[in-house]
Amino acid sequence: MAETGIVIKETGKYVTVKLERREACAKCRACTAGFETKDMIIEAENICNAKEGDEVEISLEQSNFLKAVLIMYTVPLMFLFVGLGVGYLISYAFQLQNVEIIAVICGFALLAISYLIIRSNEDKWRDKKFRPIANNIVRRKEI
């Protein structure tokens, strides 16, 4: 998965790159981002020694992309389902009324916990293989 963008800031071994939203983002409509024409700003490892103003190619290895998607979507979904199940078990074990409400509360509580776990490990994953890489200069800034 390669995209191109303009380097807007250089910080040590990392660059901040401004990317245009692509067609796939506009067609998805899963969120409001697809309706907007705003640019995306990402931080990438600068292995091509790009300077501010250069146009660079940004990539993220496909397997790493799939692992990141798994972490951000599948893990919380599993926590939600486990929470729903735990809520039902607690309700039936203690013969509580409003079984569905208790199950939903437990489900959302575990969902929130999953995002807290992911967020607490973000720094550990940030320096690993999940960071995009600026691997090629497409066009140098004209001086």
Protein backbone atom coordinates (compact mmCIF):
# COMPACT_ATOMS: atom_id res chain seq x y z
CA MET A 1 0.00 0.00 0.00
CA ALA A 2 1.84 3.09 -1.21
CA GLU A 3 0.65 6.68 -1.14
CA THR A 4 2.44 9.91 -1.97
CA GLY A 5 2.49 13.09 0.05
CA ILE A 6 4.43 16.25 0.79
CA VAL A 7 6.85 16.44 3.71
CA ILE A 8 5.76 19.35 5.89
CA LYS A 9 8.16 18.81 8.79
CA GLU A 10 11.40 16.94 9.39
CA THR A 11 12.20 15.75 12.91
CA GLY A 12 15.28 13.59 13.29
CA LYS A 13 14.66 10.21 11.71
CA TYR A 14 10.95 10.96 11.19
CA VAL A 15 9.00 13.18 8.79
CA THR A 16 5.49 14.56 9.00
CA VAL A 17 3.73 14.06 5.68
CA LYS A 18 0.54 15.62 4.34
CA LEU A 19 -1.47 13.20 2.20
CA GLU A 20 -4.62 13.79 0.17
CA ARG A 21 -7.58 11.58 0.95
CA ARG A 22 -7.91 9.03 -1.80
CA GLU A 23 -10.91 7.85 -3.77
CA ALA A 24 -11.44 4.81 -1.55
CA CYS A 25 -11.86 7.07 1.45
CA ALA A 26 -14.40 9.20 -0.39
CA LYS A 27 -16.43 6.18 -1.53
CA CYS A 28 -16.46 4.39 1.81
CA ARG A 29 -18.76 6.84 3.64
CA ALA A 30 -18.26 4.88 6.87
CA CYS A 31 -17.37 8.10 8.64
CA THR A 32 -17.57 11.82 7.98
CA ALA A 33 -13.96 11.86 6.76
CA GLY A 34 -15.13 10.61 3.38
CA PHE A 35 -17.36 13.66 2.96
CA GLU A 36 -14.55 16.12 3.63
CA THR A 37 -11.66 17.09 1.40
CA LYS A 38 -9.25 17.61 4.27
CA ASP A 39 -5.72 16.33 4.07
CA MET A 40 -4.39 13.61 6.33
CA ILE A 41 -1.26 14.22 8.38
CA ILE A 42 0.89 11.24 9.36
CA GLU A 43 4.32 10.69 10.85
CA ALA A 44 6.60 8.27 8.99
CA GLU A 45 10.10 6.93 9.36
CA ASN A 46 12.41 8.83 6.99
CA ILE A 47 14.59 6.16 5.36
CA CYS A 48 15.00 8.12 2.10
CA ASN A 49 16.44 11.28 3.76
CA ALA A 50 13.61 13.47 2.54
CA LYS A 51 13.63 17.16 3.36
CA GLU A 52 10.78 19.57 3.95
CA GLY A 53 8.84 20.19 0.72
CA ASP A 54 9.84 16.91 -0.95
CA GLU A 55 7.14 14.63 -2.32
CA VAL A 56 7.63 11.15 -0.89
CA GLU A 57 6.13 7.71 -1.26
CA ILE A 58 4.72 6.37 1.99
CA SER A 59 4.15 2.66 2.51
CA LEU A 60 3.07 0.26 5.19
CA GLU A 61 3.73 -3.42 4.65
CA GLN A 62 0.47 -5.27 3.91
CA SER A 63 0.91 -7.83 6.70
CA ASN A 64 1.61 -5.07 9.21
CA PHE A 65 -1.44 -3.17 8.00
CA LEU A 66 -3.59 -6.25 8.57
CA LYS A 67 -2.12 -6.72 12.06
CA ALA A 68 -2.92 -3.11 12.91
CA VAL A 69 -6.49 -3.54 11.65
CA LEU A 70 -6.80 -6.70 13.73
CA ILE A 71 -5.65 -4.88 16.83
CA MET A 72 -7.91 -1.86 16.31
CA TYR A 73 -11.11 -3.62 15.26
CA THR A 74 -11.14 -7.34 16.08
CA VAL A 75 -9.80 -7.14 19.63
CA PRO A 76 -12.40 -4.56 20.75
CA LEU A 77 -15.16 -6.53 19.03
CA MET A 78 -14.13 -9.68 20.90
CA PHE A 79 -14.07 -7.75 24.19
CA LEU A 80 -17.58 -6.45 23.43
CA PHE A 81 -18.96 -9.95 22.81
CA VAL A 82 -17.25 -11.38 25.89
CA GLY A 83 -18.68 -8.50 27.93
CA LEU A 84 -22.17 -9.20 26.62
CA GLY A 85 -21.80 -12.86 27.56
CA VAL A 86 -20.46 -12.03 31.02
CA GLY A 87 -23.34 -9.62 31.55
CA TYR A 88 -25.88 -12.31 30.67
CA LEU A 89 -24.15 -14.84 32.94
CA ILE A 90 -24.06 -12.41 35.87
CA SER A 91 -27.73 -11.53 35.36
CA TYR A 92 -28.85 -15.15 35.28
CA ALA A 93 -26.56 -16.26 38.11
CA PHE A 94 -27.93 -13.60 40.46
CA GLN A 95 -31.45 -13.76 38.94
CA LEU A 96 -31.41 -10.03 38.18
CA GLN A 97 -34.03 -8.22 36.16
CA ASN A 98 -33.10 -6.12 33.11
CA VAL A 99 -30.78 -8.81 31.77
CA GLU A 100 -30.20 -7.00 28.47
CA ILE A 101 -29.30 -3.71 30.14
CA ILE A 102 -26.73 -5.38 32.38
CA ALA A 103 -25.30 -7.29 29.41
CA VAL A 104 -24.98 -4.08 27.36
CA ILE A 105 -23.32 -2.25 30.26
CA CYS A 106 -20.82 -5.10 30.73
CA GLY A 107 -20.20 -5.24 26.97
CA PHE A 108 -19.47 -1.54 26.68
CA ALA A 109 -17.35 -1.63 29.83
CA LEU A 110 -15.11 -4.33 28.35
CA LEU A 111 -15.07 -2.49 25.02
CA ALA A 112 -13.78 0.63 26.81
CA ILE A 113 -11.19 -1.48 28.65
CA SER A 114 -9.98 -2.92 25.34
CA TYR A 115 -9.39 0.58 23.96
CA LEU A 116 -7.55 1.55 27.14
CA ILE A 117 -5.32 -1.51 26.76
CA ILE A 118 -4.64 -0.65 23.10
CA ARG A 119 -3.96 2.99 23.99
CA SER A 120 -1.59 2.04 26.84
CA ASN A 121 0.45 -0.11 24.42
CA GLU A 122 0.49 2.49 21.65
CA ASP A 123 3.96 3.78 22.52
CA LYS A 124 5.37 0.25 22.43
CA TRP A 125 3.83 -0.40 18.99
CA ARG A 126 4.64 3.05 17.60
CA ASP A 127 8.36 2.32 17.35
CA LYS A 128 7.83 -1.13 15.85
CA LYS A 129 6.65 -2.28 12.45
CA PHE A 130 3.30 -0.47 12.49
CA ARG A 131 4.79 2.93 11.59
CA PRO A 132 4.55 4.02 7.94
CA ILE A 133 7.82 4.44 6.08
CA ALA A 134 8.84 7.23 3.72
CA ASN A 135 10.83 4.96 1.44
CA ASN A 136 11.24 6.89 -1.81
CA ILE A 137 11.49 10.52 -2.89
CA VAL A 138 9.15 11.04 -5.83
CA ARG A 139 10.06 14.67 -6.43
CA ARG A 140 12.54 16.97 -4.69
CA LYS A 141 11.51 20.44 -3.63
CA GLU A 142 12.58 22.94 -6.23
CA ILE A 143 14.83 25.62 -4.78
